[in-house]
Amino acid sequence: LVPKEDVARTLSKTTKATMLFSCTEHDTYSWPGHYTVVLASGVDGVRTVTQVSDAWSRQPGWSASPPSVDGTYTSVRFTHADGRNLKLSFDSRDRSLAAVGTSACFYLATYPLNEY
C-alpha cells in the first residue's frame, strides 16, 4: 500500500488466518487479515491515506469512501465488487498505519484449503 522507504517498521501482520468470519449468506465465510506499520519520520500519514484512497478508487471493481477524521485517526474504507473490504487508518499519536479487512465470502466446502 505504501512505498517501502516510507515504513520505519512493521508492528504486526497476518501470516496465517486462524479463524473465519461467518457471512450473512448461509454457509459462507470470509478470511480476516491485517497489517500494521509505523511510518518513517517525515512521512505525512494523512497524505498517505489520501493517496492510497485516490489510487485504489481507480482500480477496477474497487470503491473508496472519502477519508474521514476522528480525533487522531484518519481512515478510509474500500470495498470491491466481489465483496472484499478493507479499512486503512492512520493514528497520528504513534504514526501507525493499519490495514484491516476481509476476503469476499465463500463456501468453505468448495474452497481449496490445505488445512482448516
C-alpha atoms as a PDB file:
ATOM      1  CA  LEU A   1       0.000   0.000   0.000  1.00  0.00           C
ATOM      2  CA  VAL A   2       2.860   2.392   0.735  1.00  0.00           C
ATOM      3  CA  PRO A   3       6.427   2.604  -0.559  1.00  0.00           C
ATOM      4  CA  LYS A   4       8.889   0.514   1.437  1.00  0.00           C
ATOM      5  CA  GLU A   5      11.043   3.558   2.203  1.00  0.00           C
ATOM      6  CA  ASP A   6       8.063   5.229   3.928  1.00  0.00           C
ATOM      7  CA  VAL A   7       7.890   2.445   6.543  1.00  0.00           C
ATOM      8  CA  ALA A   8      10.035   2.652   9.702  1.00  0.00           C
ATOM      9  CA  ARG A   9       8.977  -0.801  10.979  1.00  0.00           C
ATOM     10  CA  THR A  10       6.276  -3.429  10.801  1.00  0.00           C
ATOM     11  CA  LEU A  11       4.289  -3.909  14.004  1.00  0.00           C
ATOM     12  CA  SER A  12       2.085  -6.845  13.011  1.00  0.00           C
ATOM     13  CA  LYS A  13       0.638  -8.687  10.050  1.00  0.00           C
ATOM     14  CA  THR A  14      -1.493 -11.695   9.282  1.00  0.00           C
ATOM     15  CA  THR A  15       0.676 -14.522   8.012  1.00  0.00           C
ATOM     16  CA  LYS A  16      -1.855 -17.282   8.574  1.00  0.00           C
ATOM     17  CA  ALA A  17      -5.542 -16.852   9.295  1.00  0.00           C
ATOM     18  CA  THR A  18      -6.610 -18.673  12.444  1.00  0.00           C
ATOM     19  CA  MET A  19     -10.341 -18.036  12.242  1.00  0.00           C
ATOM     20  CA  LEU A  20     -13.139 -17.439   9.779  1.00  0.00           C
ATOM     21  CA  PHE A  21     -15.966 -14.921   9.966  1.00  0.00           C
ATOM     22  CA  SER A  22     -19.474 -16.089   9.186  1.00  0.00           C
ATOM     23  CA  CYS A  23     -21.174 -14.161   6.384  1.00  0.00           C
ATOM     24  CA  THR A  24     -24.870 -13.375   6.100  1.00  0.00           C
ATOM     25  CA  GLU A  25     -25.385 -15.847   3.257  1.00  0.00           C
ATOM     26  CA  HIS A  26     -25.975 -19.379   4.575  1.00  0.00           C
ATOM     27  CA  ASP A  27     -22.788 -21.470   4.969  1.00  0.00           C
ATOM     28  CA  THR A  28     -20.408 -18.792   3.679  1.00  0.00           C
ATOM     29  CA  TYR A  29     -17.307 -17.418   5.382  1.00  0.00           C
ATOM     30  CA  SER A  30     -14.567 -14.833   4.909  1.00  0.00           C
ATOM     31  CA  TRP A  31     -10.890 -14.658   5.886  1.00  0.00           C
ATOM     32  CA  PRO A  32      -9.788 -11.712   8.044  1.00  0.00           C
ATOM     33  CA  GLY A  33      -6.388 -10.108   7.708  1.00  0.00           C
ATOM     34  CA  HIS A  34      -4.402  -7.151   8.994  1.00  0.00           C
ATOM     35  CA  TYR A  35      -1.127  -5.327   8.562  1.00  0.00           C
ATOM     36  CA  THR A  36       0.195  -2.518  10.791  1.00  0.00           C
ATOM     37  CA  VAL A  37       3.314  -0.450  10.199  1.00  0.00           C
ATOM     38  CA  VAL A  38       4.878   2.667  11.681  1.00  0.00           C
ATOM     39  CA  LEU A  39       5.530   5.337   9.091  1.00  0.00           C
ATOM     40  CA  ALA A  40       9.012   6.811   8.853  1.00  0.00           C
ATOM     41  CA  SER A  41       9.709  10.237  10.297  1.00  0.00           C
ATOM     42  CA  GLY A  42       8.749  12.969   7.866  1.00  0.00           C
ATOM     43  CA  VAL A  43       6.117  10.896   6.045  1.00  0.00           C
ATOM     44  CA  ASP A  44       2.722  12.605   6.120  1.00  0.00           C
ATOM     45  CA  GLY A  45       0.288   9.902   7.262  1.00  0.00           C
ATOM     46  CA  VAL A  46      -2.858  11.817   6.361  1.00  0.00           C
ATOM     47  CA  ARG A  47      -1.494  12.461   2.886  1.00  0.00           C
ATOM     48  CA  THR A  48      -0.557   8.764   2.596  1.00  0.00           C
ATOM     49  CA  VAL A  49      -4.139   7.702   3.401  1.00  0.00           C
ATOM     50  CA  THR A  50      -5.465  10.170   0.821  1.00  0.00           C
ATOM     51  CA  GLN A  51      -3.002   8.997  -1.839  1.00  0.00           C
ATOM     52  CA  VAL A  52      -3.850   5.330  -1.258  1.00  0.00           C
ATOM     53  CA  SER A  53      -7.556   6.178  -1.379  1.00  0.00           C
ATOM     54  CA  ASP A  54      -7.162   8.009  -4.690  1.00  0.00           C
ATOM     55  CA  ALA A  55      -5.099   5.189  -6.216  1.00  0.00           C
ATOM     56  CA  TRP A  56      -7.340   2.330  -5.069  1.00  0.00           C
ATOM     57  CA  SER A  57     -10.562   4.048  -6.105  1.00  0.00           C
ATOM     58  CA  ARG A  58      -9.231   3.991  -9.692  1.00  0.00           C
ATOM     59  CA  GLN A  59      -8.649   0.211  -9.618  1.00  0.00           C
ATOM     60  CA  PRO A  60     -11.280  -1.891 -11.421  1.00  0.00           C
ATOM     61  CA  GLY A  61     -14.003  -3.087  -9.058  1.00  0.00           C
ATOM     62  CA  TRP A  62     -12.845  -1.001  -6.073  1.00  0.00           C
ATOM     63  CA  SER A  63     -14.579   1.981  -4.494  1.00  0.00           C
ATOM     64  CA  ALA A  64     -13.401   4.134  -1.618  1.00  0.00           C
ATOM     65  CA  SER A  65     -15.165   6.304   0.914  1.00  0.00           C
ATOM     66  CA  PRO A  66     -13.822   9.822   1.339  1.00  0.00           C
ATOM     67  CA  PRO A  67     -11.147   9.937   4.053  1.00  0.00           C
ATOM     68  CA  SER A  68     -12.657  10.738   7.465  1.00  0.00           C
ATOM     69  CA  VAL A  69     -11.021  12.236  10.537  1.00  0.00           C
ATOM     70  CA  ASP A  70     -11.977  11.252  14.081  1.00  0.00           C
ATOM     71  CA  GLY A  71      -9.653  12.804  16.636  1.00  0.00           C
ATOM     72  CA  THR A  72      -6.169  11.448  15.915  1.00  0.00           C
ATOM     73  CA  TYR A  73      -7.393   8.888  13.337  1.00  0.00           C
ATOM     74  CA  THR A  74      -7.706   9.413   9.614  1.00  0.00           C
ATOM     75  CA  SER A  75      -9.312   6.495   7.829  1.00  0.00           C
ATOM     76  CA  VAL A  76     -10.833   5.339   4.575  1.00  0.00           C
ATOM     77  CA  ARG A  77     -12.926   2.282   3.698  1.00  0.00           C
ATOM     78  CA  PHE A  78     -12.550   0.322   0.479  1.00  0.00           C
ATOM     79  CA  THR A  79     -14.995  -2.179  -0.970  1.00  0.00           C
ATOM     80  CA  HIS A  80     -14.665  -4.406  -4.010  1.00  0.00           C
ATOM     81  CA  ALA A  81     -17.483  -5.555  -6.262  1.00  0.00           C
ATOM     82  CA  ASP A  82     -16.746  -9.177  -5.244  1.00  0.00           C
ATOM     83  CA  GLY A  83     -17.286  -8.443  -1.535  1.00  0.00           C
ATOM     84  CA  ARG A  84     -13.732  -7.863  -0.305  1.00  0.00           C
ATOM     85  CA  ASN A  85     -13.376  -4.928   2.064  1.00  0.00           C
ATOM     86  CA  LEU A  86     -10.539  -3.041   3.683  1.00  0.00           C
ATOM     87  CA  LYS A  87     -10.144  -0.202   6.155  1.00  0.00           C
ATOM     88  CA  LEU A  88      -6.954   1.841   6.172  1.00  0.00           C
ATOM     89  CA  SER A  89      -6.332   4.111   9.155  1.00  0.00           C
ATOM     90  CA  PHE A  90      -3.545   6.361  10.336  1.00  0.00           C
ATOM     91  CA  ASP A  91      -3.089   7.242  14.022  1.00  0.00           C
ATOM     92  CA  SER A  92      -1.090  10.457  14.375  1.00  0.00           C
ATOM     93  CA  ARG A  93      -0.206   9.712  18.027  1.00  0.00           C
ATOM     94  CA  ASP A  94       2.110   6.801  17.225  1.00  0.00           C
ATOM     95  CA  ARG A  95       2.371   7.235  13.416  1.00  0.00           C
ATOM     96  CA  SER A  96       0.860   3.775  12.870  1.00  0.00           C
ATOM     97  CA  LEU A  97      -0.828   2.900   9.606  1.00  0.00           C
ATOM     98  CA  ALA A  98      -3.153  -0.098   9.880  1.00  0.00           C
ATOM     99  CA  ALA A  99      -4.942  -2.039   7.165  1.00  0.00           C
ATOM    100  CA  VAL A 100      -7.631  -4.491   8.248  1.00  0.00           C
ATOM    101  CA  GLY A 101     -10.021  -6.340   6.025  1.00  0.00           C
ATOM    102  CA  THR A 102     -11.787  -9.482   4.961  1.00  0.00           C
ATOM    103  CA  SER A 103     -11.937 -11.580   1.853  1.00  0.00           C
ATOM    104  CA  ALA A 104     -15.065 -11.972  -0.204  1.00  0.00           C
ATOM    105  CA  CYS A 105     -17.482 -14.537   1.229  1.00  0.00           C
ATOM    106  CA  PHE A 106     -17.027 -18.110   0.029  1.00  0.00           C
ATOM    107  CA  TYR A 107     -18.435 -21.571   0.589  1.00  0.00           C
ATOM    108  CA  LEU A 108     -15.987 -23.494   2.745  1.00  0.00           C
ATOM    109  CA  ALA A 109     -16.800 -26.840   1.114  1.00  0.00           C
ATOM    110  CA  THR A 110     -15.619 -25.549  -2.296  1.00  0.00           C
ATOM    111  CA  TYR A 111     -12.634 -23.508  -1.108  1.00  0.00           C
ATOM    112  CA  PRO A 112      -9.256 -25.146  -1.879  1.00  0.00           C
ATOM    113  CA  LEU A 113      -7.653 -25.458   1.534  1.00  0.00           C
ATOM    114  CA  ASN A 114      -4.665 -27.445   2.696  1.00  0.00           C
ATOM    115  CA  GLU A 115      -5.787 -27.242   6.299  1.00  0.00           C
ATOM    116  CA  TYR A 116      -8.696 -25.982   8.366  1.00  0.00           C
END
